Amino acid sequence: MTWTEIMKFIAATLVSVGGATVIILGLAKWFGDFISKRLLDNYKNKHENDLEGIKK
């Protein structure tokens, strides 16, 4: 192998790993936002129901 081939291989490896990292981070952020929104909505609904019960 020549130095050019080695450098091309290293560059291709870094690009493929970097691309996968971007996809994984994007999915993790989306899933985290989705779960946190659901939890916050559940918490908010529970407290609104409790407040309505106190008001009656």
PDB file of N, CA and C in Angstrom:
ATOM      1  N   MET A   1       0.848  -1.190   0.000  1.00  0.00           N
ATOM      2  CA  MET A   1       0.000   0.000   0.000  1.00  0.00           C
ATOM      3  C   MET A   1       0.884   1.241   0.000  1.00  0.00           C
ATOM      4  N   THR A   2       0.454   2.199  -0.763  1.00  0.00           N
ATOM      5  CA  THR A   2       1.184   3.454  -0.799  1.00  0.00           C
ATOM      6  C   THR A   2       0.579   4.396   0.240  1.00  0.00           C
ATOM      7  N   TRP A   3       1.283   5.491   0.475  1.00  0.00           N
ATOM      8  CA  TRP A   3       0.796   6.476   1.437  1.00  0.00           C
ATOM      9  C   TRP A   3      -0.519   7.098   0.983  1.00  0.00           C
ATOM     10  N   THR A   4      -0.683   7.245  -0.295  1.00  0.00           N
ATOM     11  CA  THR A   4      -1.930   7.811  -0.825  1.00  0.00           C
ATOM     12  C   THR A   4      -3.110   6.886  -0.520  1.00  0.00           C
ATOM     13  N   GLU A   5      -2.915   5.603  -0.717  1.00  0.00           N
ATOM     14  CA  GLU A   5      -3.982   4.651  -0.425  1.00  0.00           C
ATOM     15  C   GLU A   5      -4.292   4.600   1.065  1.00  0.00           C
ATOM     16  N   ILE A   6      -3.257   4.674   1.879  1.00  0.00           N
ATOM     17  CA  ILE A   6      -3.464   4.679   3.332  1.00  0.00           C
ATOM     18  C   ILE A   6      -4.246   5.914   3.759  1.00  0.00           C
ATOM     19  N   MET A   7      -3.887   7.054   3.226  1.00  0.00           N
ATOM     20  CA  MET A   7      -4.586   8.298   3.563  1.00  0.00           C
ATOM     21  C   MET A   7      -6.031   8.259   3.087  1.00  0.00           C
ATOM     22  N   LYS A   8      -6.280   7.717   1.905  1.00  0.00           N
ATOM     23  CA  LYS A   8      -7.652   7.591   1.406  1.00  0.00           C
ATOM     24  C   LYS A   8      -8.467   6.673   2.314  1.00  0.00           C
ATOM     25  N   PHE A   9      -7.848   5.593   2.751  1.00  0.00           N
ATOM     26  CA  PHE A   9      -8.535   4.662   3.649  1.00  0.00           C
ATOM     27  C   PHE A   9      -8.865   5.328   4.983  1.00  0.00           C
ATOM     28  N   ILE A  10      -7.925   6.038   5.545  1.00  0.00           N
ATOM     29  CA  ILE A  10      -8.155   6.738   6.820  1.00  0.00           C
ATOM     30  C   ILE A  10      -9.243   7.794   6.653  1.00  0.00           C
ATOM     31  N   ALA A  11      -9.196   8.545   5.584  1.00  0.00           N
ATOM     32  CA  ALA A  11     -10.209   9.569   5.332  1.00  0.00           C
ATOM     33  C   ALA A  11     -11.589   8.941   5.171  1.00  0.00           C
ATOM     34  N   ALA A  12     -11.690   7.863   4.433  1.00  0.00           N
ATOM     35  CA  ALA A  12     -12.979   7.190   4.233  1.00  0.00           C
ATOM     36  C   ALA A  12     -13.523   6.647   5.547  1.00  0.00           C
ATOM     37  N   THR A  13     -12.643   6.105   6.370  1.00  0.00           N
ATOM     38  CA  THR A  13     -13.057   5.576   7.671  1.00  0.00           C
ATOM     39  C   THR A  13     -13.583   6.694   8.560  1.00  0.00           C
ATOM     40  N   LEU A  14     -12.878   7.806   8.612  1.00  0.00           N
ATOM     41  CA  LEU A  14     -13.311   8.924   9.446  1.00  0.00           C
ATOM     42  C   LEU A  14     -14.632   9.510   8.969  1.00  0.00           C
ATOM     43  N   VAL A  15     -14.811   9.607   7.670  1.00  0.00           N
ATOM     44  CA  VAL A  15     -16.057  10.157   7.122  1.00  0.00           C
ATOM     45  C   VAL A  15     -17.232   9.230   7.441  1.00  0.00           C
ATOM     46  N   SER A  16     -17.041   7.934   7.285  1.00  0.00           N
ATOM     47  CA  SER A  16     -18.141   6.998   7.557  1.00  0.00           C
ATOM     48  C   SER A  16     -18.494   6.975   9.038  1.00  0.00           C
ATOM     49  N   VAL A  17     -17.514   7.015   9.903  1.00  0.00           N
ATOM     50  CA  VAL A  17     -17.768   7.051  11.345  1.00  0.00           C
ATOM     51  C   VAL A  17     -18.419   8.379  11.723  1.00  0.00           C
ATOM     52  N   GLY A  18     -17.966   9.461  11.149  1.00  0.00           N
ATOM     53  CA  GLY A  18     -18.544  10.775  11.430  1.00  0.00           C
ATOM     54  C   GLY A  18     -19.988  10.868  10.981  1.00  0.00           C
ATOM     55  N   GLY A  19     -20.299  10.308   9.823  1.00  0.00           N
ATOM     56  CA  GLY A  19     -21.671  10.311   9.326  1.00  0.00           C
ATOM     57  C   GLY A  19     -22.592   9.514  10.233  1.00  0.00           C
ATOM     58  N   ALA A  20     -22.127   8.359  10.674  1.00  0.00           N
ATOM     59  CA  ALA A  20     -22.929   7.535  11.582  1.00  0.00           C
ATOM     60  C   ALA A  20     -23.129   8.253  12.905  1.00  0.00           C
ATOM     61  N   THR A  21     -22.125   8.951  13.368  1.00  0.00           N
ATOM     62  CA  THR A  21     -22.231   9.691  14.620  1.00  0.00           C
ATOM     63  C   THR A  21     -23.278  10.782  14.524  1.00  0.00           C
ATOM     64  N   VAL A  22     -23.313  11.484  13.418  1.00  0.00           N
ATOM     65  CA  VAL A  22     -24.312  12.546  13.227  1.00  0.00           C
ATOM     66  C   VAL A  22     -25.720  11.959  13.245  1.00  0.00           C
ATOM     67  N   ILE A  23     -25.904  10.843  12.574  1.00  0.00           N
ATOM     68  CA  ILE A  23     -27.223  10.202  12.540  1.00  0.00           C
ATOM     69  C   ILE A  23     -27.624   9.738  13.935  1.00  0.00           C
ATOM     70  N   ILE A  24     -26.730   9.101  14.647  1.00  0.00           N
ATOM     71  CA  ILE A  24     -27.028   8.607  15.997  1.00  0.00           C
ATOM     72  C   ILE A  24     -27.336   9.755  16.938  1.00  0.00           C
ATOM     73  N   LEU A  25     -26.558  10.831  16.885  1.00  0.00           N
ATOM     74  CA  LEU A  25     -26.820  11.981  17.749  1.00  0.00           C
ATOM     75  C   LEU A  25     -28.152  12.639  17.415  1.00  0.00           C
ATOM     76  N   GLY A  26     -28.475  12.729  16.147  1.00  0.00           N
ATOM     77  CA  GLY A  26     -29.755  13.309  15.749  1.00  0.00           C
ATOM     78  C   GLY A  26     -30.925  12.489  16.257  1.00  0.00           C
ATOM     79  N   LEU A  27     -30.843  11.173  16.117  1.00  0.00           N
ATOM     80  CA  LEU A  27     -31.912  10.310  16.619  1.00  0.00           C
ATOM     81  C   LEU A  27     -32.007  10.352  18.139  1.00  0.00           C
ATOM     82  N   ALA A  28     -30.880  10.408  18.814  1.00  0.00           N
ATOM     83  CA  ALA A  28     -30.891  10.480  20.275  1.00  0.00           C
ATOM     84  C   ALA A  28     -31.528  11.779  20.744  1.00  0.00           C
ATOM     85  N   LYS A  29     -31.240  12.881  20.077  1.00  0.00           N
ATOM     86  CA  LYS A  29     -31.827  14.162  20.448  1.00  0.00           C
ATOM     87  C   LYS A  29     -33.337  14.141  20.212  1.00  0.00           C
ATOM     88  N   TRP A  30     -33.758  13.620  19.057  1.00  0.00           N
ATOM     89  CA  TRP A  30     -35.187  13.550  18.755  1.00  0.00           C
ATOM     90  C   TRP A  30     -35.922  12.695  19.788  1.00  0.00           C
ATOM     91  N   PHE A  31     -35.364  11.529  20.108  1.00  0.00           N
ATOM     92  CA  PHE A  31     -35.998  10.625  21.058  1.00  0.00           C
ATOM     93  C   PHE A  31     -36.026  11.243  22.454  1.00  0.00           C
ATOM     94  N   GLY A  32     -34.965  11.918  22.853  1.00  0.00           N
ATOM     95  CA  GLY A  32     -34.930  12.586  24.149  1.00  0.00           C
ATOM     96  C   GLY A  32     -35.964  13.685  24.240  1.00  0.00           C
ATOM     97  N   ASP A  33     -36.096  14.478  23.195  1.00  0.00           N
ATOM     98  CA  ASP A  33     -37.112  15.534  23.173  1.00  0.00           C
ATOM     99  C   ASP A  33     -38.516  14.938  23.226  1.00  0.00           C
ATOM    100  N   PHE A  34     -38.730  13.849  22.501  1.00  0.00           N
ATOM    101  CA  PHE A  34     -40.031  13.182  22.471  1.00  0.00           C
ATOM    102  C   PHE A  34     -40.413  12.671  23.864  1.00  0.00           C
ATOM    103  N   ILE A  35     -39.499  11.985  24.518  1.00  0.00           N
ATOM    104  CA  ILE A  35     -39.768  11.436  25.849  1.00  0.00           C
ATOM    105  C   ILE A  35     -39.961  12.550  26.867  1.00  0.00           C
ATOM    106  N   SER A  36     -39.128  13.581  26.829  1.00  0.00           N
ATOM    107  CA  SER A  36     -39.258  14.661  27.805  1.00  0.00           C
ATOM    108  C   SER A  36     -40.584  15.400  27.627  1.00  0.00           C
ATOM    109  N   LYS A  37     -41.040  15.572  26.408  1.00  0.00           N
ATOM    110  CA  LYS A  37     -42.325  16.235  26.165  1.00  0.00           C
ATOM    111  C   LYS A  37     -43.466  15.397  26.721  1.00  0.00           C
ATOM    112  N   ARG A  38     -43.423  14.092  26.498  1.00  0.00           N
ATOM    113  CA  ARG A  38     -44.470  13.212  27.040  1.00  0.00           C
ATOM    114  C   ARG A  38     -44.484  13.240  28.557  1.00  0.00           C
ATOM    115  N   LEU A  39     -43.308  13.179  29.173  1.00  0.00           N
ATOM    116  CA  LEU A  39     -43.243  13.207  30.632  1.00  0.00           C
ATOM    117  C   LEU A  39     -43.759  14.532  31.177  1.00  0.00           C
ATOM    118  N   LEU A  40     -43.379  15.618  30.537  1.00  0.00           N
ATOM    119  CA  LEU A  40     -43.829  16.939  30.978  1.00  0.00           C
ATOM    120  C   LEU A  40     -45.340  17.076  30.827  1.00  0.00           C
ATOM    121  N   ASP A  41     -45.894  16.580  29.734  1.00  0.00           N
ATOM    122  CA  ASP A  41     -47.345  16.627  29.537  1.00  0.00           C
ATOM    123  C   ASP A  41     -48.076  15.804  30.596  1.00  0.00           C
ATOM    124  N   ASN A  42     -47.565  14.615  30.894  1.00  0.00           N
ATOM    125  CA  ASN A  42     -48.179  13.780  31.930  1.00  0.00           C
ATOM    126  C   ASN A  42     -48.135  14.467  33.288  1.00  0.00           C
ATOM    127  N   TYR A  43     -47.021  15.057  33.614  1.00  0.00           N
ATOM    128  CA  TYR A  43     -46.845  15.766  34.885  1.00  0.00           C
ATOM    129  C   TYR A  43     -47.799  16.957  34.955  1.00  0.00           C
ATOM    130  N   LYS A  44     -47.894  17.701  33.887  1.00  0.00           N
ATOM    131  CA  LYS A  44     -48.765  18.867  33.845  1.00  0.00           C
ATOM    132  C   LYS A  44     -50.233  18.462  33.982  1.00  0.00           C
ATOM    133  N   ASN A  45     -50.649  17.424  33.269  1.00  0.00           N
ATOM    134  CA  ASN A  45     -52.031  16.950  33.361  1.00  0.00           C
ATOM    135  C   ASN A  45     -52.368  16.454  34.757  1.00  0.00           C
ATOM    136  N   LYS A  46     -51.450  15.754  35.391  1.00  0.00           N
ATOM    137  CA  LYS A  46     -51.683  15.251  36.748  1.00  0.00           C
ATOM    138  C   LYS A  46     -51.904  16.409  37.703  1.00  0.00           C
ATOM    139  N   HIS A  47     -51.082  17.427  37.623  1.00  0.00           N
ATOM    140  CA  HIS A  47     -51.209  18.557  38.535  1.00  0.00           C
ATOM    141  C   HIS A  47     -52.444  19.401  38.232  1.00  0.00           C
ATOM    142  N   GLU A  48     -52.820  19.486  36.975  1.00  0.00           N
ATOM    143  CA  GLU A  48     -54.055  20.210  36.641  1.00  0.00           C
ATOM    144  C   GLU A  48     -55.264  19.469  37.207  1.00  0.00           C
ATOM    145  N   ASN A  49     -55.266  18.153  37.119  1.00  0.00           N
ATOM    146  CA  ASN A  49     -56.364  17.370  37.689  1.00  0.00           C
ATOM    147  C   ASN A  49     -56.403  17.500  39.206  1.00  0.00           C
ATOM    148  N   ASP A  50     -55.244  17.476  39.839  1.00  0.00           N
ATOM    149  CA  ASP A  50     -55.186  17.666  41.287  1.00  0.00           C
ATOM    150  C   ASP A  50     -55.718  19.043  41.681  1.00  0.00           C
ATOM    151  N   LEU A  51     -55.366  20.048  40.928  1.00  0.00           N
ATOM    152  CA  LEU A  51     -55.817  21.403  41.206  1.00  0.00           C
ATOM    153  C   LEU A  51     -57.328  21.530  41.042  1.00  0.00           C
ATOM    154  N   GLU A  52     -57.859  20.891  40.010  1.00  0.00           N
ATOM    155  CA  GLU A  52     -59.313  20.899  39.810  1.00  0.00           C
ATOM    156  C   GLU A  52     -60.032  20.219  40.972  1.00  0.00           C
ATOM    157  N   GLY A  53     -59.439  19.141  41.474  1.00  0.00           N
ATOM    158  CA  GLY A  53     -60.018  18.440  42.631  1.00  0.00           C
ATOM    159  C   GLY A  53     -60.016  19.291  43.868  1.00  0.00           C
ATOM    160  N   ILE A  54     -58.992  20.090  44.054  1.00  0.00           N
ATOM    161  CA  ILE A  54     -58.904  20.980  45.217  1.00  0.00           C
ATOM    162  C   ILE A  54     -59.916  22.122  45.091  1.00  0.00           C
ATOM    163  N   LYS A  55     -60.115  22.620  43.891  1.00  0.00           N
ATOM    164  CA  LYS A  55     -61.026  23.737  43.675  1.00  0.00           C
ATOM    165  C   LYS A  55     -62.482  23.355  43.953  1.00  0.00           C
ATOM    166  N   LYS A  56     -62.847  22.086  43.772  1.00  0.00           N
ATOM    167  CA  LYS A  56     -64.243  21.656  43.938  1.00  0.00           C
ATOM    168  C   LYS A  56     -64.615  21.487  45.371  1.00  0.00           C
TER     169      LYS A  56
END
